[in-house]
Amino acid sequence: MIIVSKDADMHDLSLVFGNPPKVIWLRLGNCSTSQVESLLRRNFDR
């Protein structure tokens, strides 16, 4: 399971409680869900 979040608290919780799940902390400005999806899809293979 992978959780995608723009919330720093979610990242901190993952450090406290360990794995799983994996957390991807997106440090982006104000953007729509579709913009986040597009960014993730463009960079999926990196």
PDB file of N, CA and C in Angstrom:
ATOM      1  N   MET A   1       0.844  -1.159   0.000  1.00  0.00           N
ATOM      2  CA  MET A   1       0.000   0.000   0.000  1.00  0.00           C
ATOM      3  C   MET A   1       0.895   1.228   0.000  1.00  0.00           C
ATOM      4  N   ILE A   2       0.522   2.214  -0.795  1.00  0.00           N
ATOM      5  CA  ILE A   2       1.216   3.495  -0.827  1.00  0.00           C
ATOM      6  C   ILE A   2       0.195   4.585  -0.581  1.00  0.00           C
ATOM      7  N   ILE A   3       0.513   5.485   0.335  1.00  0.00           N
ATOM      8  CA  ILE A   3      -0.347   6.630   0.629  1.00  0.00           C
ATOM      9  C   ILE A   3       0.322   7.867   0.056  1.00  0.00           C
ATOM     10  N   VAL A   4      -0.424   8.650  -0.707  1.00  0.00           N
ATOM     11  CA  VAL A   4       0.063   9.913  -1.251  1.00  0.00           C
ATOM     12  C   VAL A   4      -0.603  11.023  -0.466  1.00  0.00           C
ATOM     13  N   SER A   5       0.196  11.928   0.090  1.00  0.00           N
ATOM     14  CA  SER A   5      -0.352  12.983   0.936  1.00  0.00           C
ATOM     15  C   SER A   5       0.431  14.270   0.764  1.00  0.00           C
ATOM     16  N   LYS A   6      -0.264  15.391   0.929  1.00  0.00           N
ATOM     17  CA  LYS A   6       0.393  16.689   0.974  1.00  0.00           C
ATOM     18  C   LYS A   6       0.513  17.166   2.418  1.00  0.00           C
ATOM     19  N   ASP A   7       0.229  16.299   3.369  1.00  0.00           N
ATOM     20  CA  ASP A   7       0.197  16.631   4.787  1.00  0.00           C
ATOM     21  C   ASP A   7       1.466  16.130   5.478  1.00  0.00           C
ATOM     22  N   ALA A   8       2.211  17.026   6.091  1.00  0.00           N
ATOM     23  CA  ALA A   8       3.452  16.647   6.769  1.00  0.00           C
ATOM     24  C   ALA A   8       3.192  15.686   7.922  1.00  0.00           C
ATOM     25  N   ASP A   9       2.038  15.788   8.567  1.00  0.00           N
ATOM     26  CA  ASP A   9       1.722  14.893   9.683  1.00  0.00           C
ATOM     27  C   ASP A   9       1.694  13.432   9.247  1.00  0.00           C
ATOM     28  N   MET A  10       1.201  13.171   8.056  1.00  0.00           N
ATOM     29  CA  MET A  10       1.156  11.795   7.553  1.00  0.00           C
ATOM     30  C   MET A  10       2.576  11.255   7.411  1.00  0.00           C
ATOM     31  N   HIS A  11       3.476  12.071   6.913  1.00  0.00           N
ATOM     32  CA  HIS A  11       4.881  11.673   6.792  1.00  0.00           C
ATOM     33  C   HIS A  11       5.459  11.367   8.168  1.00  0.00           C
ATOM     34  N   ASP A  12       5.203  12.233   9.138  1.00  0.00           N
ATOM     35  CA  ASP A  12       5.714  12.032  10.493  1.00  0.00           C
ATOM     36  C   ASP A  12       5.171  10.745  11.115  1.00  0.00           C
ATOM     37  N   LEU A  13       3.886  10.466  10.903  1.00  0.00           N
ATOM     38  CA  LEU A  13       3.288   9.236  11.438  1.00  0.00           C
ATOM     39  C   LEU A  13       3.949   7.993  10.850  1.00  0.00           C
ATOM     40  N   SER A  14       4.292   8.052   9.574  1.00  0.00           N
ATOM     41  CA  SER A  14       4.933   6.886   8.953  1.00  0.00           C
ATOM     42  C   SER A  14       6.301   6.630   9.573  1.00  0.00           C
ATOM     43  N   LEU A  15       6.988   7.688  10.000  1.00  0.00           N
ATOM     44  CA  LEU A  15       8.289   7.512  10.645  1.00  0.00           C
ATOM     45  C   LEU A  15       8.137   6.912  12.039  1.00  0.00           C
ATOM     46  N   VAL A  16       7.074   7.294  12.741  1.00  0.00           N
ATOM     47  CA  VAL A  16       6.836   6.805  14.097  1.00  0.00           C
ATOM     48  C   VAL A  16       6.413   5.339  14.098  1.00  0.00           C
ATOM     49  N   PHE A  17       5.469   4.988  13.209  1.00  0.00           N
ATOM     50  CA  PHE A  17       4.889   3.650  13.226  1.00  0.00           C
ATOM     51  C   PHE A  17       5.564   2.671  12.277  1.00  0.00           C
ATOM     52  N   GLY A  18       6.446   3.131  11.427  1.00  0.00           N
ATOM     53  CA  GLY A  18       7.189   2.243  10.539  1.00  0.00           C
ATOM     54  C   GLY A  18       6.357   1.716   9.380  1.00  0.00           C
ATOM     55  N   ASN A  19       6.850   0.631   8.789  1.00  0.00           N
ATOM     56  CA  ASN A  19       6.247   0.076   7.578  1.00  0.00           C
ATOM     57  C   ASN A  19       5.294  -1.048   7.915  1.00  0.00           C
ATOM     58  N   PRO A  20       4.391  -1.409   7.016  1.00  0.00           N
ATOM     59  CA  PRO A  20       3.818  -0.575   5.975  1.00  0.00           C
ATOM     60  C   PRO A  20       2.888   0.458   6.561  1.00  0.00           C
ATOM     61  N   PRO A  21       2.330   1.354   5.879  1.00  0.00           N
ATOM     62  CA  PRO A  21       2.423   1.617   4.446  1.00  0.00           C
ATOM     63  C   PRO A  21       3.574   2.564   4.113  1.00  0.00           C
ATOM     64  N   LYS A  22       3.878   2.654   2.849  1.00  0.00           N
ATOM     65  CA  LYS A  22       4.826   3.644   2.347  1.00  0.00           C
ATOM     66  C   LYS A  22       4.065   4.948   2.165  1.00  0.00           C
ATOM     67  N   VAL A  23       4.719   6.050   2.462  1.00  0.00           N
ATOM     68  CA  VAL A  23       4.086   7.358   2.314  1.00  0.00           C
ATOM     69  C   VAL A  23       4.897   8.187   1.338  1.00  0.00           C
ATOM     70  N   ILE A  24       4.224   8.747   0.354  1.00  0.00           N
ATOM     71  CA  ILE A  24       4.834   9.706  -0.559  1.00  0.00           C
ATOM     72  C   ILE A  24       4.321  11.077  -0.148  1.00  0.00           C
ATOM     73  N   TRP A  25       5.217  11.920   0.339  1.00  0.00           N
ATOM     74  CA  TRP A  25       4.837  13.250   0.803  1.00  0.00           C
ATOM     75  C   TRP A  25       5.098  14.224  -0.332  1.00  0.00           C
ATOM     76  N   LEU A  26       4.038  14.735  -0.916  1.00  0.00           N
ATOM     77  CA  LEU A  26       4.153  15.693  -2.008  1.00  0.00           C
ATOM     78  C   LEU A  26       4.251  17.093  -1.428  1.00  0.00           C
ATOM     79  N   ARG A  27       5.350  17.737  -1.671  1.00  0.00           N
ATOM     80  CA  ARG A  27       5.556  19.084  -1.161  1.00  0.00           C
ATOM     81  C   ARG A  27       5.297  20.062  -2.299  1.00  0.00           C
ATOM     82  N   LEU A  28       4.014  20.236  -2.574  1.00  0.00           N
ATOM     83  CA  LEU A  28       3.557  21.075  -3.677  1.00  0.00           C
ATOM     84  C   LEU A  28       2.737  22.226  -3.135  1.00  0.00           C
ATOM     85  N   GLY A  29       2.586  23.238  -3.959  1.00  0.00           N
ATOM     86  CA  GLY A  29       1.684  24.326  -3.612  1.00  0.00           C
ATOM     87  C   GLY A  29       0.241  23.901  -3.828  1.00  0.00           C
ATOM     88  N   ASN A  30      -0.634  24.865  -3.830  1.00  0.00           N
ATOM     89  CA  ASN A  30      -2.058  24.610  -4.019  1.00  0.00           C
ATOM     90  C   ASN A  30      -2.291  24.084  -5.433  1.00  0.00           C
ATOM     91  N   CYS A  31      -2.788  22.866  -5.552  1.00  0.00           N
ATOM     92  CA  CYS A  31      -3.076  22.287  -6.861  1.00  0.00           C
ATOM     93  C   CYS A  31      -4.220  21.293  -6.728  1.00  0.00           C
ATOM     94  N   SER A  32      -4.829  21.007  -7.849  1.00  0.00           N
ATOM     95  CA  SER A  32      -5.989  20.117  -7.854  1.00  0.00           C
ATOM     96  C   SER A  32      -5.549  18.651  -7.806  1.00  0.00           C
ATOM     97  N   THR A  33      -6.494  17.799  -7.492  1.00  0.00           N
ATOM     98  CA  THR A  33      -6.232  16.361  -7.480  1.00  0.00           C
ATOM     99  C   THR A  33      -5.808  15.883  -8.858  1.00  0.00           C
ATOM    100  N   SER A  34      -6.426  16.415  -9.900  1.00  0.00           N
ATOM    101  CA  SER A  34      -6.054  15.995 -11.258  1.00  0.00           C
ATOM    102  C   SER A  34      -4.630  16.434 -11.603  1.00  0.00           C
ATOM    103  N   GLN A  35      -4.182  17.574 -11.095  1.00  0.00           N
ATOM    104  CA  GLN A  35      -2.800  18.004 -11.323  1.00  0.00           C
ATOM    105  C   GLN A  35      -1.821  17.078 -10.598  1.00  0.00           C
ATOM    106  N   VAL A  36      -2.168  16.666  -9.391  1.00  0.00           N
ATOM    107  CA  VAL A  36      -1.327  15.726  -8.643  1.00  0.00           C
ATOM    108  C   VAL A  36      -1.266  14.392  -9.381  1.00  0.00           C
ATOM    109  N   GLU A  37      -2.404  13.915  -9.846  1.00  0.00           N
ATOM    110  CA  GLU A  37      -2.435  12.656 -10.596  1.00  0.00           C
ATOM    111  C   GLU A  37      -1.556  12.748 -11.835  1.00  0.00           C
ATOM    112  N   SER A  38      -1.651  13.836 -12.559  1.00  0.00           N
ATOM    113  CA  SER A  38      -0.857  14.023 -13.768  1.00  0.00           C
ATOM    114  C   SER A  38       0.640  14.009 -13.443  1.00  0.00           C
ATOM    115  N   LEU A  39       1.033  14.689 -12.390  1.00  0.00           N
ATOM    116  CA  LEU A  39       2.431  14.715 -11.970  1.00  0.00           C
ATOM    117  C   LEU A  39       2.924  13.311 -11.634  1.00  0.00           C
ATOM    118  N   LEU A  40       2.123  12.551 -10.895  1.00  0.00           N
ATOM    119  CA  LEU A  40       2.514  11.188 -10.523  1.00  0.00           C
ATOM    120  C   LEU A  40       2.625  10.286 -11.744  1.00  0.00           C
ATOM    121  N   ARG A  41       1.682  10.411 -12.652  1.00  0.00           N
ATOM    122  CA  ARG A  41       1.721   9.563 -13.854  1.00  0.00           C
ATOM    123  C   ARG A  41       2.928   9.890 -14.738  1.00  0.00           C
ATOM    124  N   ARG A  42       3.265  11.176 -14.860  1.00  0.00           N
ATOM    125  CA  ARG A  42       4.417  11.584 -15.681  1.00  0.00           C
ATOM    126  C   ARG A  42       5.731  11.076 -15.100  1.00  0.00           C
ATOM    127  N   ASN A  43       5.802  10.943 -13.798  1.00  0.00           N
ATOM    128  CA  ASN A  43       7.060  10.595 -13.133  1.00  0.00           C
ATOM    129  C   ASN A  43       7.070   9.191 -12.542  1.00  0.00           C
ATOM    130  N   PHE A  44       6.123   8.360 -12.910  1.00  0.00           N
ATOM    131  CA  PHE A  44       5.963   7.031 -12.314  1.00  0.00           C
ATOM    132  C   PHE A  44       7.213   6.161 -12.445  1.00  0.00           C
ATOM    133  N   ASP A  45       7.863   6.181 -13.588  1.00  0.00           N
ATOM    134  CA  ASP A  45       8.991   5.283 -13.840  1.00  0.00           C
ATOM    135  C   ASP A  45      10.318   5.783 -13.292  1.00  0.00           C
ATOM    136  N   ARG A  46      10.366   6.954 -12.756  1.00  0.00           N
ATOM    137  CA  ARG A  46      11.642   7.519 -12.284  1.00  0.00           C
ATOM    138  C   ARG A  46      12.103   6.886 -11.021  1.00  0.00           C
TER     139      ARG A  46
END
